[in-house]
Amino acid sequence: MGKKDTFKARSSGLKHKAEEKTRNPFEVHINRSKHDVVGRKRKEDKGVPGISRAKALRKREKTLLQEYKSRHKSNVFVDRRIGENDPTMDPEKKMALRMAAVRIRQSNK
């Protein structure tokens, strides 16, 4: 069993090295630390700006683009006619209230 596990580890290591070789060295950005700090693990930060930018754009398209497309849409129709939702109100009273609202709107102009 031990030999089988070591073989898997070796094969996965080979894949990792093969992936590093396929990357273009001009696309990799290395962030070097300016100072060594005692007790801090030191690992060089490598970034791939092109891939990171594409990944961020895909994420924005999935989230922000959907919000942008639906920004002026609402799934509710609000009936703002005066007295329309009140079945106890007489038609004459409805018309009187509507006329009063029209007069108020005209006087505000």
C-alpha atoms as a PDB file:
ATOM      1  CA  MET A   1       0.000   0.000   0.000  1.00  0.00           C
ATOM      2  CA  GLY A   2       2.846   2.397   0.730  1.00  0.00           C
ATOM      3  CA  LYS A   3       4.255   2.169  -2.775  1.00  0.00           C
ATOM      4  CA  LYS A   4       0.898   2.939  -4.322  1.00  0.00           C
ATOM      5  CA  ASP A   5       0.515   6.095  -2.219  1.00  0.00           C
ATOM      6  CA  THR A   6       3.992   7.333  -3.117  1.00  0.00           C
ATOM      7  CA  PHE A   7       3.260   6.770  -6.782  1.00  0.00           C
ATOM      8  CA  LYS A   8       0.155   8.974  -6.532  1.00  0.00           C
ATOM      9  CA  ALA A   9       2.159  11.666  -4.795  1.00  0.00           C
ATOM     10  CA  ARG A  10       4.791  11.574  -7.507  1.00  0.00           C
ATOM     11  CA  SER A  11       2.266  11.707 -10.313  1.00  0.00           C
ATOM     12  CA  SER A  12       0.441  14.663  -8.725  1.00  0.00           C
ATOM     13  CA  GLY A  13       3.781  16.442  -8.325  1.00  0.00           C
ATOM     14  CA  LEU A  14       4.507  15.933 -11.992  1.00  0.00           C
ATOM     15  CA  LYS A  15       1.170  17.443 -12.943  1.00  0.00           C
ATOM     16  CA  HIS A  16       1.869  20.483 -10.780  1.00  0.00           C
ATOM     17  CA  LYS A  17       5.261  21.010 -12.417  1.00  0.00           C
ATOM     18  CA  ALA A  18       3.737  20.594 -15.869  1.00  0.00           C
ATOM     19  CA  GLU A  19       1.160  23.300 -15.106  1.00  0.00           C
ATOM     20  CA  GLU A  20       3.885  25.702 -14.018  1.00  0.00           C
ATOM     21  CA  LYS A  21       5.830  25.103 -17.219  1.00  0.00           C
ATOM     22  CA  THR A  22       2.830  25.871 -19.418  1.00  0.00           C
ATOM     23  CA  ARG A  23       2.324  29.314 -17.856  1.00  0.00           C
ATOM     24  CA  ASN A  24       3.854  32.221 -19.655  1.00  0.00           C
ATOM     25  CA  PRO A  25       6.499  33.760 -17.372  1.00  0.00           C
ATOM     26  CA  PHE A  26       5.627  37.253 -18.599  1.00  0.00           C
ATOM     27  CA  GLU A  27       2.063  36.883 -17.330  1.00  0.00           C
ATOM     28  CA  VAL A  28       3.114  35.993 -13.776  1.00  0.00           C
ATOM     29  CA  HIS A  29       3.571  38.861 -11.330  1.00  0.00           C
ATOM     30  CA  ILE A  30       5.700  38.148  -8.257  1.00  0.00           C
ATOM     31  CA  ASN A  31       5.176  40.190  -5.104  1.00  0.00           C
ATOM     32  CA  ARG A  32       8.394  40.141  -3.143  1.00  0.00           C
ATOM     33  CA  SER A  33       8.451  41.027   0.534  1.00  0.00           C
ATOM     34  CA  LYS A  34      10.672  43.958   1.467  1.00  0.00           C
ATOM     35  CA  HIS A  35      11.612  42.760   4.946  1.00  0.00           C
ATOM     36  CA  ASP A  36      12.050  39.414   6.646  1.00  0.00           C
ATOM     37  CA  VAL A  37      10.025  39.144   9.836  1.00  0.00           C
ATOM     38  CA  VAL A  38      11.006  36.665  12.536  1.00  0.00           C
ATOM     39  CA  GLY A  39       8.374  33.999  13.123  1.00  0.00           C
ATOM     40  CA  ARG A  40       6.456  34.694   9.922  1.00  0.00           C
ATOM     41  CA  LYS A  41       6.287  32.036   7.267  1.00  0.00           C
ATOM     42  CA  ARG A  42       7.780  33.349   4.084  1.00  0.00           C
ATOM     43  CA  LYS A  43       6.222  32.424   0.830  1.00  0.00           C
ATOM     44  CA  GLU A  44       6.433  34.457  -2.288  1.00  0.00           C
ATOM     45  CA  ASP A  45       3.105  35.669  -3.501  1.00  0.00           C
ATOM     46  CA  LYS A  46       2.597  34.956  -7.155  1.00  0.00           C
ATOM     47  CA  GLY A  47      -0.248  36.526  -9.016  1.00  0.00           C
ATOM     48  CA  VAL A  48      -1.557  36.021 -12.492  1.00  0.00           C
ATOM     49  CA  PRO A  49      -3.160  39.364 -13.401  1.00  0.00           C
ATOM     50  CA  GLY A  50      -4.738  38.243 -16.680  1.00  0.00           C
ATOM     51  CA  ILE A  51      -6.436  35.197 -15.206  1.00  0.00           C
ATOM     52  CA  SER A  52      -7.483  37.094 -12.076  1.00  0.00           C
ATOM     53  CA  ARG A  53      -9.011  39.864 -14.181  1.00  0.00           C
ATOM     54  CA  ALA A  54     -10.974  37.386 -16.305  1.00  0.00           C
ATOM     55  CA  LYS A  55     -12.187  35.591 -13.182  1.00  0.00           C
ATOM     56  CA  ALA A  56     -13.349  38.889 -11.647  1.00  0.00           C
ATOM     57  CA  LEU A  57     -15.199  39.843 -14.838  1.00  0.00           C
ATOM     58  CA  ARG A  58     -17.033  36.505 -14.891  1.00  0.00           C
ATOM     59  CA  LYS A  59     -18.018  36.987 -11.251  1.00  0.00           C
ATOM     60  CA  ARG A  60     -19.318  40.515 -11.946  1.00  0.00           C
ATOM     61  CA  GLU A  61     -21.329  39.297 -14.927  1.00  0.00           C
ATOM     62  CA  LYS A  62     -23.029  36.702 -12.745  1.00  0.00           C
ATOM     63  CA  THR A  63     -23.892  39.127  -9.937  1.00  0.00           C
ATOM     64  CA  LEU A  64     -23.828  42.802 -10.892  1.00  0.00           C
ATOM     65  CA  LEU A  65     -25.017  42.362 -14.464  1.00  0.00           C
ATOM     66  CA  GLN A  66     -28.141  40.552 -13.303  1.00  0.00           C
ATOM     67  CA  GLU A  67     -28.906  43.341 -10.828  1.00  0.00           C
ATOM     68  CA  TYR A  68     -28.262  45.981 -13.508  1.00  0.00           C
ATOM     69  CA  LYS A  69     -30.660  44.327 -15.948  1.00  0.00           C
ATOM     70  CA  SER A  70     -33.470  44.145 -13.398  1.00  0.00           C
ATOM     71  CA  ARG A  71     -32.964  47.550 -11.754  1.00  0.00           C
ATOM     72  CA  HIS A  72     -36.121  49.266 -13.123  1.00  0.00           C
ATOM     73  CA  LYS A  73     -38.338  46.217 -13.014  1.00  0.00           C
ATOM     74  CA  SER A  74     -40.785  45.325 -10.325  1.00  0.00           C
ATOM     75  CA  ASN A  75     -43.153  42.427 -10.245  1.00  0.00           C
ATOM     76  CA  VAL A  76     -45.974  44.374  -8.602  1.00  0.00           C
ATOM     77  CA  PHE A  77     -48.673  46.508 -10.178  1.00  0.00           C
ATOM     78  CA  VAL A  78     -50.022  49.090  -7.736  1.00  0.00           C
ATOM     79  CA  ASP A  79     -53.514  50.410  -8.440  1.00  0.00           C
ATOM     80  CA  ARG A  80     -53.429  54.032  -7.280  1.00  0.00           C
ATOM     81  CA  ARG A  81     -56.907  54.994  -8.417  1.00  0.00           C
ATOM     82  CA  ILE A  82     -58.844  56.679  -5.634  1.00  0.00           C
ATOM     83  CA  GLY A  83     -61.574  54.507  -4.140  1.00  0.00           C
ATOM     84  CA  GLU A  84     -61.002  51.597  -6.521  1.00  0.00           C
ATOM     85  CA  ASN A  85     -60.111  49.119  -3.788  1.00  0.00           C
ATOM     86  CA  ASP A  86     -62.922  50.224  -1.458  1.00  0.00           C
ATOM     87  CA  PRO A  87     -66.177  48.394  -2.360  1.00  0.00           C
ATOM     88  CA  THR A  88     -68.218  50.339   0.227  1.00  0.00           C
ATOM     89  CA  MET A  89     -67.623  53.704  -1.482  1.00  0.00           C
ATOM     90  CA  ASP A  90     -70.363  55.052  -3.780  1.00  0.00           C
ATOM     91  CA  PRO A  91     -69.444  55.815  -7.418  1.00  0.00           C
ATOM     92  CA  GLU A  92     -70.469  59.458  -6.868  1.00  0.00           C
ATOM     93  CA  LYS A  93     -68.148  59.765  -3.870  1.00  0.00           C
ATOM     94  CA  LYS A  94     -65.310  58.177  -5.879  1.00  0.00           C
ATOM     95  CA  MET A  95     -65.774  60.743  -8.639  1.00  0.00           C
ATOM     96  CA  ALA A  96     -65.889  63.596  -6.111  1.00  0.00           C
ATOM     97  CA  LEU A  97     -62.632  62.486  -4.461  1.00  0.00           C
ATOM     98  CA  ARG A  98     -60.966  62.031  -7.851  1.00  0.00           C
ATOM     99  CA  MET A  99     -62.043  65.519  -8.955  1.00  0.00           C
ATOM    100  CA  ALA A 100     -60.686  66.950  -5.687  1.00  0.00           C
ATOM    101  CA  ALA A 101     -57.346  65.222  -6.298  1.00  0.00           C
ATOM    102  CA  VAL A 102     -57.204  66.639  -9.841  1.00  0.00           C
ATOM    103  CA  ARG A 103     -57.896  70.149  -8.516  1.00  0.00           C
ATOM    104  CA  ILE A 104     -55.145  69.789  -5.902  1.00  0.00           C
ATOM    105  CA  ARG A 105     -52.660  68.672  -8.578  1.00  0.00           C
ATOM    106  CA  GLN A 106     -53.610  71.590 -10.839  1.00  0.00           C
ATOM    107  CA  SER A 107     -53.368  74.124  -8.023  1.00  0.00           C
ATOM    108  CA  ASN A 108     -49.865  72.908  -7.120  1.00  0.00           C
ATOM    109  CA  LYS A 109     -48.654  73.614 -10.661  1.00  0.00           C
END
